[in-house]
Amino acid sequence: MPHSSGAGLMDNPVRTGSRWIVRRGRWVSVNPAAISALAEKIRARPAVTWDSRYHFRGEEELTLRYILVLDALNFCFWPPLLSPPPPRGEGARKWSVAGPDGERLSGYFALAYALRRTAEEDAPFFDPGELATEDADRLRAVLGEIPLLPWRIRAIREVGQALVRLGSAREFFARAQGSCARLVELVTAQLPSFRDAALYEGREVFFHKRAQILCADLAGTFGGQGPGALHDLGWLTAFADYKLPQLLWAAGALVLHPTLAQRIARLELLAAGAPEEVEMRAATVVAVENLTAALHGLGRSVRPFEVDWMLWHLSQTKLPFPHHRTQTVFY
């Protein structure tokens, strides 16, 4: 059986909705044999710990603002596709920033480190009033030429406006009362860009990737203490994004319809909310649930979000297939 979210706790709608989608899926299915093989492969891998090299941890209020901004902007880092395609070997340049010790960072870690540097050197950037009136020049000065800048400006303004309404980030998180389920409900109510939902066969389904990862980031940043003391981390599911389905597909744990596989290989855009895209995300959630259960059967006690972290780190290596392309604020 998949990992339980905890006795007496209402199940996560991401978990229940994803199972419902997979039972009806036409484009993507989950391969139990490959799940078992993957469990054997990763059973002895060490747990992924919070990476303090790139993330900010300082005074509590500033740290909480940092986490909110980080996860508000944590979506779609891959460069835009060019049409017509550029000459061979001349693809769009990947967004990146200079990291510690001269390394070049891209994607999520680039965002985390750029915001960390700003928190250390220009803390007023995170003042609620400043966030609520963010503009392109100021955000570009922090992040450079990051893709989808107008979408990120809207997301960061939402955070500022919510903090102005509620008074502080400390008050924002305190309203969750130490619960992931309550925090996801709060975030999706207060911040529209976190309302990660789609329609599938006439039913509204939820993925809440960034709202859920906010819970994990909160726990990781504070080491499970203070604002990070969340009592229902097992309620969280996988954070359905680009990289997990790519890795699970490469491992054979996800089986894609040949037409869908060809479209992804050709780097075609999948529309946000299209059945193929929704099934990719739902199957990812279910595959991680089943992988978590398989690891339990092998004596490895982990929660779905911890399996997600393990797989995400594994996905940073070179894989035989590209990830799917969907332009969205949700992941």
C-alpha atoms as a PDB file:
ATOM      1  CA  MET A   1       0.000   0.000   0.000  1.00  0.00           C
ATOM      2  CA  PRO A   2       1.209   3.568  -0.609  1.00  0.00           C
ATOM      3  CA  HIS A   3       2.648   5.477   2.312  1.00  0.00           C
ATOM      4  CA  SER A   4       0.019   6.661   4.763  1.00  0.00           C
ATOM      5  CA  SER A   5      -0.270  10.398   5.322  1.00  0.00           C
ATOM      6  CA  GLY A   6      -0.878   9.873   9.035  1.00  0.00           C
ATOM      7  CA  ALA A   7      -3.651   8.508  11.196  1.00  0.00           C
ATOM      8  CA  GLY A   8      -6.626  10.790  11.607  1.00  0.00           C
ATOM      9  CA  LEU A   9      -5.392  13.253   9.010  1.00  0.00           C
ATOM     10  CA  MET A  10      -7.467  14.049   5.937  1.00  0.00           C
ATOM     11  CA  ASP A  11      -5.598  12.714   2.937  1.00  0.00           C
ATOM     12  CA  ASN A  12      -3.848  15.127   0.647  1.00  0.00           C
ATOM     13  CA  PRO A  13      -6.073  15.923  -2.377  1.00  0.00           C
ATOM     14  CA  VAL A  14      -2.948  15.793  -4.550  1.00  0.00           C
ATOM     15  CA  ARG A  15      -2.519  12.138  -3.567  1.00  0.00           C
ATOM     16  CA  THR A  16      -6.163  11.139  -4.051  1.00  0.00           C
ATOM     17  CA  GLY A  17      -6.600  13.115  -7.263  1.00  0.00           C
ATOM     18  CA  SER A  18      -3.415  11.724  -8.798  1.00  0.00           C
ATOM     19  CA  ARG A  19      -4.501   8.147  -8.112  1.00  0.00           C
ATOM     20  CA  TRP A  20      -7.851   8.892  -9.744  1.00  0.00           C
ATOM     21  CA  ILE A  21      -6.133  10.294 -12.850  1.00  0.00           C
ATOM     22  CA  VAL A  22      -3.722   7.358 -13.194  1.00  0.00           C
ATOM     23  CA  ARG A  23      -6.600   4.874 -13.103  1.00  0.00           C
ATOM     24  CA  ARG A  24      -8.072   6.665 -16.125  1.00  0.00           C
ATOM     25  CA  GLY A  25      -4.862   7.631 -17.872  1.00  0.00           C
ATOM     26  CA  ARG A  26      -4.342   7.130 -21.595  1.00  0.00           C
ATOM     27  CA  TRP A  27      -0.974   8.812 -22.079  1.00  0.00           C
ATOM     28  CA  VAL A  28       1.116   7.811 -19.060  1.00  0.00           C
ATOM     29  CA  SER A  29       1.144   4.735 -16.830  1.00  0.00           C
ATOM     30  CA  VAL A  30       3.187   3.504 -13.874  1.00  0.00           C
ATOM     31  CA  ASN A  31       5.303   0.344 -14.235  1.00  0.00           C
ATOM     32  CA  PRO A  32       5.324  -1.636 -10.941  1.00  0.00           C
ATOM     33  CA  ALA A  33       8.316  -3.798 -11.926  1.00  0.00           C
ATOM     34  CA  ALA A  34      10.445  -0.761 -12.658  1.00  0.00           C
ATOM     35  CA  ILE A  35       9.333   0.832  -9.371  1.00  0.00           C
ATOM     36  CA  SER A  36      10.604  -2.246  -7.519  1.00  0.00           C
ATOM     37  CA  ALA A  37      13.906  -2.143  -9.417  1.00  0.00           C
ATOM     38  CA  LEU A  38      14.354   1.551  -8.691  1.00  0.00           C
ATOM     39  CA  ALA A  39      13.656   0.961  -4.996  1.00  0.00           C
ATOM     40  CA  GLU A  40      16.445  -1.641  -4.907  1.00  0.00           C
ATOM     41  CA  LYS A  41      18.761   0.804  -6.648  1.00  0.00           C
ATOM     42  CA  ILE A  42      18.230   3.720  -4.247  1.00  0.00           C
ATOM     43  CA  ARG A  43      17.499   1.857  -0.993  1.00  0.00           C
ATOM     44  CA  ALA A  44      20.996   2.521   0.377  1.00  0.00           C
ATOM     45  CA  ARG A  45      21.373   6.087  -0.880  1.00  0.00           C
ATOM     46  CA  PRO A  46      21.885   8.560   1.941  1.00  0.00           C
ATOM     47  CA  ALA A  47      19.051  10.929   2.728  1.00  0.00           C
ATOM     48  CA  VAL A  48      19.312  14.357   1.126  1.00  0.00           C
ATOM     49  CA  THR A  49      19.998  16.985   3.767  1.00  0.00           C
ATOM     50  CA  TRP A  50      19.287  20.696   3.579  1.00  0.00           C
ATOM     51  CA  ASP A  51      22.000  22.411   1.525  1.00  0.00           C
ATOM     52  CA  SER A  52      23.137  25.454   3.487  1.00  0.00           C
ATOM     53  CA  ARG A  53      25.676  26.461   0.814  1.00  0.00           C
ATOM     54  CA  TYR A  54      23.010  28.069  -1.342  1.00  0.00           C
ATOM     55  CA  HIS A  55      20.121  28.886   1.013  1.00  0.00           C
ATOM     56  CA  PHE A  56      19.797  31.818   3.389  1.00  0.00           C
ATOM     57  CA  ARG A  57      19.372  31.380   7.134  1.00  0.00           C
ATOM     58  CA  GLY A  58      19.511  34.460   9.322  1.00  0.00           C
ATOM     59  CA  GLU A  59      17.155  36.518  11.468  1.00  0.00           C
ATOM     60  CA  GLU A  60      13.810  34.718  11.593  1.00  0.00           C
ATOM     61  CA  GLU A  61      11.542  37.284   9.917  1.00  0.00           C
ATOM     62  CA  LEU A  62      13.964  37.870   7.048  1.00  0.00           C
ATOM     63  CA  THR A  63      14.469  34.130   6.616  1.00  0.00           C
ATOM     64  CA  LEU A  64      10.724  33.542   6.403  1.00  0.00           C
ATOM     65  CA  ARG A  65      10.372  36.298   3.802  1.00  0.00           C
ATOM     66  CA  TYR A  66      13.249  34.757   1.863  1.00  0.00           C
ATOM     67  CA  ILE A  67      11.561  31.337   1.807  1.00  0.00           C
ATOM     68  CA  LEU A  68       8.271  32.816   0.596  1.00  0.00           C
ATOM     69  CA  VAL A  69       9.972  34.727  -2.207  1.00  0.00           C
ATOM     70  CA  LEU A  70      12.126  31.735  -3.137  1.00  0.00           C
ATOM     71  CA  ASP A  71       9.144  29.448  -3.615  1.00  0.00           C
ATOM     72  CA  ALA A  72       7.029  32.129  -5.261  1.00  0.00           C
ATOM     73  CA  LEU A  73       9.689  32.333  -7.995  1.00  0.00           C
ATOM     74  CA  ASN A  74      10.571  28.627  -8.145  1.00  0.00           C
ATOM     75  CA  PHE A  75       9.235  27.726 -11.591  1.00  0.00           C
ATOM     76  CA  CYS A  76      10.245  27.183 -15.214  1.00  0.00           C
ATOM     77  CA  PHE A  77      13.964  27.984 -15.460  1.00  0.00           C
ATOM     78  CA  TRP A  78      14.635  26.434 -18.860  1.00  0.00           C
ATOM     79  CA  PRO A  79      15.345  28.851 -21.703  1.00  0.00           C
ATOM     80  CA  PRO A  80      12.613  29.680 -24.217  1.00  0.00           C
ATOM     81  CA  LEU A  81      12.546  27.622 -27.386  1.00  0.00           C
ATOM     82  CA  LEU A  82      13.505  29.537 -30.486  1.00  0.00           C
ATOM     83  CA  SER A  83      11.422  29.423 -33.652  1.00  0.00           C
ATOM     84  CA  PRO A  84      12.792  28.744 -36.170  1.00  0.00           C
ATOM     85  CA  PRO A  85      15.393  26.604 -34.369  1.00  0.00           C
ATOM     86  CA  PRO A  86      18.869  28.168 -34.169  1.00  0.00           C
ATOM     87  CA  PRO A  87      21.797  26.747 -36.185  1.00  0.00           C
ATOM     88  CA  ARG A  88      23.236  23.505 -34.852  1.00  0.00           C
ATOM     89  CA  GLY A  89      25.007  24.062 -31.534  1.00  0.00           C
ATOM     90  CA  GLU A  90      23.544  27.545 -31.005  1.00  0.00           C
ATOM     91  CA  GLY A  91      20.672  26.974 -28.595  1.00  0.00           C
ATOM     92  CA  ALA A  92      19.230  29.587 -26.270  1.00  0.00           C
ATOM     93  CA  ARG A  93      21.576  30.352 -23.417  1.00  0.00           C
ATOM     94  CA  LYS A  94      20.657  28.764 -20.098  1.00  0.00           C
ATOM     95  CA  TRP A  95      19.978  31.211 -17.272  1.00  0.00           C
ATOM     96  CA  SER A  96      22.662  31.046 -14.602  1.00  0.00           C
ATOM     97  CA  VAL A  97      24.325  33.078 -11.857  1.00  0.00           C
ATOM     98  CA  ALA A  98      27.753  33.112 -10.280  1.00  0.00           C
ATOM     99  CA  GLY A  99      27.833  30.920  -7.185  1.00  0.00           C
ATOM    100  CA  PRO A 100      30.289  30.456  -4.321  1.00  0.00           C
ATOM    101  CA  ASP A 101      33.898  29.583  -5.165  1.00  0.00           C
ATOM    102  CA  GLY A 102      33.452  30.589  -8.787  1.00  0.00           C
ATOM    103  CA  GLU A 103      30.982  27.835  -9.699  1.00  0.00           C
ATOM    104  CA  ARG A 104      28.194  28.580 -12.150  1.00  0.00           C
ATOM    105  CA  LEU A 105      24.713  27.806 -10.857  1.00  0.00           C
ATOM    106  CA  SER A 106      21.534  27.302 -12.874  1.00  0.00           C
ATOM    107  CA  GLY A 107      17.908  26.531 -12.117  1.00  0.00           C
ATOM    108  CA  TYR A 108      16.679  26.296  -8.565  1.00  0.00           C
ATOM    109  CA  PHE A 109      20.086  26.595  -6.896  1.00  0.00           C
ATOM    110  CA  ALA A 110      20.830  29.728  -8.928  1.00  0.00           C
ATOM    111  CA  LEU A 111      17.599  31.272  -7.664  1.00  0.00           C
ATOM    112  CA  ALA A 112      18.247  30.229  -4.051  1.00  0.00           C
ATOM    113  CA  TYR A 113      21.779  31.619  -4.088  1.00  0.00           C
ATOM    114  CA  ALA A 114      20.932  34.880  -5.859  1.00  0.00           C
ATOM    115  CA  LEU A 115      18.211  35.555  -3.286  1.00  0.00           C
ATOM    116  CA  ARG A 116      20.533  34.518  -0.451  1.00  0.00           C
ATOM    117  CA  ARG A 117      23.146  37.007  -1.614  1.00  0.00           C
ATOM    118  CA  THR A 118      20.463  39.698  -1.756  1.00  0.00           C
ATOM    119  CA  ALA A 119      19.238  38.857   1.772  1.00  0.00           C
ATOM    120  CA  GLU A 120      22.807  39.209   3.040  1.00  0.00           C
ATOM    121  CA  GLU A 121      23.666  42.386   1.133  1.00  0.00           C
ATOM    122  CA  ASP A 122      20.337  44.173   0.588  1.00  0.00           C
ATOM    123  CA  ALA A 123      17.801  42.975   3.167  1.00  0.00           C
ATOM    124  CA  PRO A 124      15.337  45.848   2.429  1.00  0.00           C
ATOM    125  CA  PHE A 125      14.613  44.096  -0.897  1.00  0.00           C
ATOM    126  CA  PHE A 126      12.475  41.692   1.165  1.00  0.00           C
ATOM    127  CA  ASP A 127      10.451  44.390   2.943  1.00  0.00           C
ATOM    128  CA  PRO A 128       6.741  43.739   2.241  1.00  0.00           C
ATOM    129  CA  GLY A 129       6.173  47.184   0.736  1.00  0.00           C
ATOM    130  CA  GLU A 130       9.158  46.744  -1.577  1.00  0.00           C
ATOM    131  CA  LEU A 131       8.003  43.307  -2.704  1.00  0.00           C
ATOM    132  CA  ALA A 132       4.469  44.594  -3.318  1.00  0.00           C
ATOM    133  CA  THR A 133       5.791  47.206  -5.769  1.00  0.00           C
ATOM    134  CA  GLU A 134       8.537  45.141  -7.427  1.00  0.00           C
ATOM    135  CA  ASP A 135       9.515  46.205 -10.926  1.00  0.00           C
ATOM    136  CA  ALA A 136      11.479  44.675 -13.772  1.00  0.00           C
ATOM    137  CA  ASP A 137      14.659  46.707 -13.280  1.00  0.00           C
ATOM    138  CA  ARG A 138      14.977  45.845  -9.601  1.00  0.00           C
ATOM    139  CA  LEU A 139      14.252  42.149 -10.069  1.00  0.00           C
ATOM    140  CA  ARG A 140      16.599  41.993 -13.052  1.00  0.00           C
ATOM    141  CA  ALA A 141      19.344  43.498 -10.889  1.00  0.00           C
ATOM    142  CA  VAL A 142      18.931  40.585  -8.473  1.00  0.00           C
ATOM    143  CA  LEU A 143      18.314  37.698 -10.885  1.00  0.00           C
ATOM    144  CA  GLY A 144      19.647  38.863 -14.249  1.00  0.00           C
ATOM    145  CA  GLU A 145      17.870  37.775 -17.412  1.00  0.00           C
ATOM    146  CA  ILE A 146      15.783  35.032 -15.850  1.00  0.00           C
ATOM    147  CA  PRO A 147      13.068  33.535 -18.089  1.00  0.00           C
ATOM    148  CA  LEU A 148       9.445  34.681 -17.730  1.00  0.00           C
ATOM    149  CA  LEU A 149      10.352  37.856 -15.830  1.00  0.00           C
ATOM    150  CA  PRO A 150       6.840  39.414 -16.040  1.00  0.00           C
ATOM    151  CA  TRP A 151       5.336  36.273 -14.450  1.00  0.00           C
ATOM    152  CA  ARG A 152       7.882  36.456 -11.635  1.00  0.00           C
ATOM    153  CA  ILE A 153       7.142  40.111 -10.998  1.00  0.00           C
ATOM    154  CA  ARG A 154       3.458  39.271 -10.528  1.00  0.00           C
ATOM    155  CA  ALA A 155       4.329  36.402  -8.181  1.00  0.00           C
ATOM    156  CA  ILE A 156       6.657  38.475  -6.022  1.00  0.00           C
ATOM    157  CA  ARG A 157       4.114  41.302  -5.798  1.00  0.00           C
ATOM    158  CA  GLU A 158       1.543  38.792  -4.542  1.00  0.00           C
ATOM    159  CA  VAL A 159       3.892  37.877  -1.701  1.00  0.00           C
ATOM    160  CA  GLY A 160       4.443  41.501  -0.776  1.00  0.00           C
ATOM    161  CA  GLN A 161       0.741  42.282  -0.834  1.00  0.00           C
ATOM    162  CA  ALA A 162      -0.046  39.276   1.378  1.00  0.00           C
ATOM    163  CA  LEU A 163       2.627  40.276   3.897  1.00  0.00           C
ATOM    164  CA  VAL A 164       1.328  43.847   3.961  1.00  0.00           C
ATOM    165  CA  ARG A 165      -2.176  42.508   4.699  1.00  0.00           C
ATOM    166  CA  LEU A 166      -1.039  40.085   7.413  1.00  0.00           C
ATOM    167  CA  GLY A 167       1.641  42.249   9.002  1.00  0.00           C
ATOM    168  CA  SER A 168       4.656  39.918   8.807  1.00  0.00           C
ATOM    169  CA  ALA A 169       5.935  36.633   7.461  1.00  0.00           C
ATOM    170  CA  ARG A 170       6.015  35.348  11.033  1.00  0.00           C
ATOM    171  CA  GLU A 171       2.263  35.949  11.313  1.00  0.00           C
ATOM    172  CA  PHE A 172       1.705  34.390   7.888  1.00  0.00           C
ATOM    173  CA  PHE A 173       3.360  31.105   8.875  1.00  0.00           C
ATOM    174  CA  ALA A 174       1.998  31.133  12.432  1.00  0.00           C
ATOM    175  CA  ARG A 175      -1.520  30.859  11.025  1.00  0.00           C
ATOM    176  CA  ALA A 176      -0.642  27.364   9.762  1.00  0.00           C
ATOM    177  CA  GLN A 177      -0.243  26.158  13.389  1.00  0.00           C
ATOM    178  CA  GLY A 178       2.582  23.776  12.522  1.00  0.00           C
ATOM    179  CA  SER A 179       0.607  21.900   9.842  1.00  0.00           C
ATOM    180  CA  CYS A 180       1.568  21.314   6.212  1.00  0.00           C
ATOM    181  CA  ALA A 181      -2.084  20.809   5.316  1.00  0.00           C
ATOM    182  CA  ARG A 182      -3.034  24.161   6.865  1.00  0.00           C
ATOM    183  CA  LEU A 183      -0.050  25.930   5.314  1.00  0.00           C
ATOM    184  CA  VAL A 184      -0.945  24.691   1.819  1.00  0.00           C
ATOM    185  CA  GLU A 185      -4.528  25.844   2.368  1.00  0.00           C
ATOM    186  CA  LEU A 186      -3.307  29.244   3.597  1.00  0.00           C
ATOM    187  CA  VAL A 187      -0.806  29.772   0.792  1.00  0.00           C
ATOM    188  CA  THR A 188      -3.206  28.808  -1.976  1.00  0.00           C
ATOM    189  CA  ALA A 189      -5.859  31.115  -0.484  1.00  0.00           C
ATOM    190  CA  GLN A 190      -3.562  34.122  -0.109  1.00  0.00           C
ATOM    191  CA  LEU A 191      -1.307  33.738  -3.165  1.00  0.00           C
ATOM    192  CA  PRO A 192      -3.107  32.987  -6.457  1.00  0.00           C
ATOM    193  CA  SER A 193       0.040  31.870  -8.302  1.00  0.00           C
ATOM    194  CA  PHE A 194       0.345  28.953  -5.849  1.00  0.00           C
ATOM    195  CA  ARG A 195      -3.123  27.582  -6.793  1.00  0.00           C
ATOM    196  CA  ASP A 196      -1.773  24.697  -8.824  1.00  0.00           C
ATOM    197  CA  ALA A 197      -4.872  23.007 -10.223  1.00  0.00           C
ATOM    198  CA  ALA A 198      -6.152  21.626 -13.521  1.00  0.00           C
ATOM    199  CA  LEU A 199      -9.302  20.142 -15.034  1.00  0.00           C
ATOM    200  CA  TYR A 200      -9.177  16.484 -16.041  1.00  0.00           C
ATOM    201  CA  GLU A 201     -12.276  14.818 -17.465  1.00  0.00           C
ATOM    202  CA  GLY A 202     -14.370  17.586 -15.945  1.00  0.00           C
ATOM    203  CA  ARG A 203     -12.943  17.215 -12.421  1.00  0.00           C
ATOM    204  CA  GLU A 204     -10.721  19.775 -10.721  1.00  0.00           C
ATOM    205  CA  VAL A 205      -7.465  18.158  -9.615  1.00  0.00           C
ATOM    206  CA  PHE A 206      -4.638  19.612  -7.544  1.00  0.00           C
ATOM    207  CA  PHE A 207      -0.850  19.351  -7.587  1.00  0.00           C
ATOM    208  CA  HIS A 208       0.192  22.292  -5.369  1.00  0.00           C
ATOM    209  CA  LYS A 209       3.846  21.776  -6.221  1.00  0.00           C
ATOM    210  CA  ARG A 210       5.156  25.094  -4.906  1.00  0.00           C
ATOM    211  CA  ALA A 211       2.831  25.252  -1.904  1.00  0.00           C
ATOM    212  CA  GLN A 212       3.960  21.794  -0.819  1.00  0.00           C
ATOM    213  CA  ILE A 213       7.639  22.458  -1.421  1.00  0.00           C
ATOM    214  CA  LEU A 214       7.274  25.565   0.727  1.00  0.00           C
ATOM    215  CA  CYS A 215       6.466  23.234   3.636  1.00  0.00           C
ATOM    216  CA  ALA A 216       9.552  21.115   2.998  1.00  0.00           C
ATOM    217  CA  ASP A 217      11.736  24.207   2.583  1.00  0.00           C
ATOM    218  CA  LEU A 218      10.415  25.615   5.845  1.00  0.00           C
ATOM    219  CA  ALA A 219      11.226  22.403   7.705  1.00  0.00           C
ATOM    220  CA  GLY A 220      14.628  22.143   6.040  1.00  0.00           C
ATOM    221  CA  THR A 221      15.664  25.724   6.673  1.00  0.00           C
ATOM    222  CA  PHE A 222      14.872  25.607  10.380  1.00  0.00           C
ATOM    223  CA  GLY A 223      15.906  22.004  10.933  1.00  0.00           C
ATOM    224  CA  GLY A 224      12.403  21.040  12.031  1.00  0.00           C
ATOM    225  CA  GLN A 225      12.494  23.579  14.874  1.00  0.00           C
ATOM    226  CA  GLY A 226      10.596  26.798  15.521  1.00  0.00           C
ATOM    227  CA  PRO A 227       8.670  27.817  12.391  1.00  0.00           C
ATOM    228  CA  GLY A 228       9.904  24.603  10.737  1.00  0.00           C
ATOM    229  CA  ALA A 229       8.325  22.311  13.331  1.00  0.00           C
ATOM    230  CA  LEU A 230       5.642  20.797  11.070  1.00  0.00           C
ATOM    231  CA  HIS A 231       3.908  17.750  12.534  1.00  0.00           C
ATOM    232  CA  ASP A 232       2.438  16.295   9.331  1.00  0.00           C
ATOM    233  CA  LEU A 233       5.303  16.180   6.823  1.00  0.00           C
ATOM    234  CA  GLY A 234       4.109  12.707   5.812  1.00  0.00           C
ATOM    235  CA  TRP A 235       0.990  14.390   4.377  1.00  0.00           C
ATOM    236  CA  LEU A 236       3.103  15.867   1.580  1.00  0.00           C
ATOM    237  CA  THR A 237       3.345  14.158  -1.808  1.00  0.00           C
ATOM    238  CA  ALA A 238       6.029  14.409  -4.455  1.00  0.00           C
ATOM    239  CA  PHE A 239       6.443  17.858  -5.971  1.00  0.00           C
ATOM    240  CA  ALA A 240       5.427  17.132  -9.570  1.00  0.00           C
ATOM    241  CA  ASP A 241       7.739  19.116 -11.841  1.00  0.00           C
ATOM    242  CA  TYR A 242       9.906  18.613 -14.960  1.00  0.00           C
ATOM    243  CA  LYS A 243      12.815  16.642 -13.581  1.00  0.00           C
ATOM    244  CA  LEU A 244      11.099  13.861 -11.629  1.00  0.00           C
ATOM    245  CA  PRO A 245       9.012  12.592 -14.541  1.00  0.00           C
ATOM    246  CA  GLN A 246      12.112  12.766 -16.742  1.00  0.00           C
ATOM    247  CA  LEU A 247      14.078  10.581 -14.322  1.00  0.00           C
ATOM    248  CA  LEU A 248      11.173   8.174 -13.741  1.00  0.00           C
ATOM    249  CA  TRP A 249      10.686   7.837 -17.499  1.00  0.00           C
ATOM    250  CA  ALA A 250      14.391   7.102 -17.946  1.00  0.00           C
ATOM    251  CA  ALA A 251      14.165   4.452 -15.204  1.00  0.00           C
ATOM    252  CA  GLY A 252      11.148   2.811 -16.864  1.00  0.00           C
ATOM    253  CA  ALA A 253       8.918   3.653 -13.898  1.00  0.00           C
ATOM    254  CA  LEU A 254       6.748   5.834 -16.132  1.00  0.00           C
ATOM    255  CA  VAL A 255       5.629   4.453 -19.481  1.00  0.00           C
ATOM    256  CA  LEU A 256       4.667   7.084 -22.039  1.00  0.00           C
ATOM    257  CA  HIS A 257       2.442   6.618 -25.060  1.00  0.00           C
ATOM    258  CA  PRO A 258       4.748   6.619 -28.123  1.00  0.00           C
ATOM    259  CA  THR A 259       3.120   9.756 -29.530  1.00  0.00           C
ATOM    260  CA  LEU A 260       3.733  11.650 -26.292  1.00  0.00           C
ATOM    261  CA  ALA A 261       7.303  10.367 -26.065  1.00  0.00           C
ATOM    262  CA  GLN A 262       7.966  11.596 -29.610  1.00  0.00           C
ATOM    263  CA  ARG A 263       6.534  15.031 -28.866  1.00  0.00           C
ATOM    264  CA  ILE A 264       8.736  15.411 -25.805  1.00  0.00           C
ATOM    265  CA  ALA A 265      11.793  14.210 -27.743  1.00  0.00           C
ATOM    266  CA  ARG A 266      11.075  16.901 -30.361  1.00  0.00           C
ATOM    267  CA  LEU A 267      10.910  19.523 -27.548  1.00  0.00           C
ATOM    268  CA  GLU A 268       7.317  20.377 -28.434  1.00  0.00           C
ATOM    269  CA  LEU A 269       5.463  22.476 -25.921  1.00  0.00           C
ATOM    270  CA  LEU A 270       2.765  20.665 -23.926  1.00  0.00           C
ATOM    271  CA  ALA A 271      -0.011  23.035 -22.957  1.00  0.00           C
ATOM    272  CA  ALA A 272      -0.507  23.532 -19.238  1.00  0.00           C
ATOM    273  CA  GLY A 273      -3.587  21.552 -18.261  1.00  0.00           C
ATOM    274  CA  ALA A 274      -3.566  19.348 -21.364  1.00  0.00           C
ATOM    275  CA  PRO A 275      -4.435  15.710 -20.558  1.00  0.00           C
ATOM    276  CA  GLU A 276      -0.901  14.553 -21.410  1.00  0.00           C
ATOM    277  CA  GLU A 277       0.663  17.094 -19.081  1.00  0.00           C
ATOM    278  CA  VAL A 278      -1.776  16.391 -16.261  1.00  0.00           C
ATOM    279  CA  GLU A 279      -1.159  12.643 -16.579  1.00  0.00           C
ATOM    280  CA  MET A 280       2.625  13.169 -16.485  1.00  0.00           C
ATOM    281  CA  ARG A 281       2.309  14.982 -13.183  1.00  0.00           C
ATOM    282  CA  ALA A 282      -0.248  12.618 -11.658  1.00  0.00           C
ATOM    283  CA  ALA A 283       1.759   9.540 -12.615  1.00  0.00           C
ATOM    284  CA  THR A 284       4.835  11.140 -11.036  1.00  0.00           C
ATOM    285  CA  VAL A 285       2.987  11.578  -7.743  1.00  0.00           C
ATOM    286  CA  VAL A 286       1.688   7.998  -7.802  1.00  0.00           C
ATOM    287  CA  ALA A 287       5.076   6.567  -8.807  1.00  0.00           C
ATOM    288  CA  VAL A 288       6.718   8.275  -5.836  1.00  0.00           C
ATOM    289  CA  GLU A 289       3.979   7.011  -3.516  1.00  0.00           C
ATOM    290  CA  ASN A 290       4.564   3.466  -4.772  1.00  0.00           C
ATOM    291  CA  LEU A 291       8.331   3.881  -4.590  1.00  0.00           C
ATOM    292  CA  THR A 292       8.010   5.073  -0.986  1.00  0.00           C
ATOM    293  CA  ALA A 293       5.962   1.964  -0.166  1.00  0.00           C
ATOM    294  CA  ALA A 294       8.531  -0.266  -1.915  1.00  0.00           C
ATOM    295  CA  LEU A 295      11.333   1.319   0.101  1.00  0.00           C
ATOM    296  CA  HIS A 296       9.356   0.690   3.300  1.00  0.00           C
ATOM    297  CA  GLY A 297       9.129  -2.951   2.259  1.00  0.00           C
ATOM    298  CA  LEU A 298      12.919  -2.999   1.972  1.00  0.00           C
ATOM    299  CA  GLY A 299      13.298  -1.599   5.488  1.00  0.00           C
ATOM    300  CA  ARG A 300      13.939   2.033   4.448  1.00  0.00           C
ATOM    301  CA  SER A 301      11.650   4.400   6.352  1.00  0.00           C
ATOM    302  CA  VAL A 302      11.189   7.528   4.250  1.00  0.00           C
ATOM    303  CA  ARG A 303       8.389   9.917   3.422  1.00  0.00           C
ATOM    304  CA  PRO A 304       7.319  10.840  -0.127  1.00  0.00           C
ATOM    305  CA  PHE A 305       8.900  14.299  -0.007  1.00  0.00           C
ATOM    306  CA  GLU A 306      12.221  12.746   1.035  1.00  0.00           C
ATOM    307  CA  VAL A 307      12.025  10.316  -1.887  1.00  0.00           C
ATOM    308  CA  ASP A 308      11.285  13.327  -4.093  1.00  0.00           C
ATOM    309  CA  TRP A 309      14.472  15.025  -2.893  1.00  0.00           C
ATOM    310  CA  MET A 310      16.505  11.880  -3.600  1.00  0.00           C
ATOM    311  CA  LEU A 311      15.106  11.545  -7.107  1.00  0.00           C
ATOM    312  CA  TRP A 312      15.486  15.244  -7.882  1.00  0.00           C
ATOM    313  CA  HIS A 313      19.181  15.122  -7.021  1.00  0.00           C
ATOM    314  CA  LEU A 314      19.582  11.994  -9.151  1.00  0.00           C
ATOM    315  CA  SER A 315      17.831  13.784 -12.020  1.00  0.00           C
ATOM    316  CA  GLN A 316      20.559  16.433 -12.199  1.00  0.00           C
ATOM    317  CA  THR A 317      22.794  13.943 -14.027  1.00  0.00           C
ATOM    318  CA  LYS A 318      22.621  13.466 -17.792  1.00  0.00           C
ATOM    319  CA  LEU A 319      19.506  11.526 -18.782  1.00  0.00           C
ATOM    320  CA  PRO A 320      18.685   9.818 -22.091  1.00  0.00           C
ATOM    321  CA  PHE A 321      15.476  11.797 -22.673  1.00  0.00           C
ATOM    322  CA  PRO A 322      14.706  15.525 -22.408  1.00  0.00           C
ATOM    323  CA  HIS A 323      12.187  16.769 -19.869  1.00  0.00           C
ATOM    324  CA  HIS A 324       8.765  17.800 -21.097  1.00  0.00           C
ATOM    325  CA  ARG A 325       8.222  21.472 -21.891  1.00  0.00           C
ATOM    326  CA  THR A 326       5.285  23.325 -20.348  1.00  0.00           C
ATOM    327  CA  GLN A 327       5.382  27.040 -19.654  1.00  0.00           C
ATOM    328  CA  THR A 328       3.596  27.577 -16.372  1.00  0.00           C
ATOM    329  CA  VAL A 329       3.986  29.360 -13.041  1.00  0.00           C
ATOM    330  CA  PHE A 330       3.145  26.155 -11.203  1.00  0.00           C
ATOM    331  CA  TYR A 331       6.509  24.362 -11.622  1.00  0.00           C
END
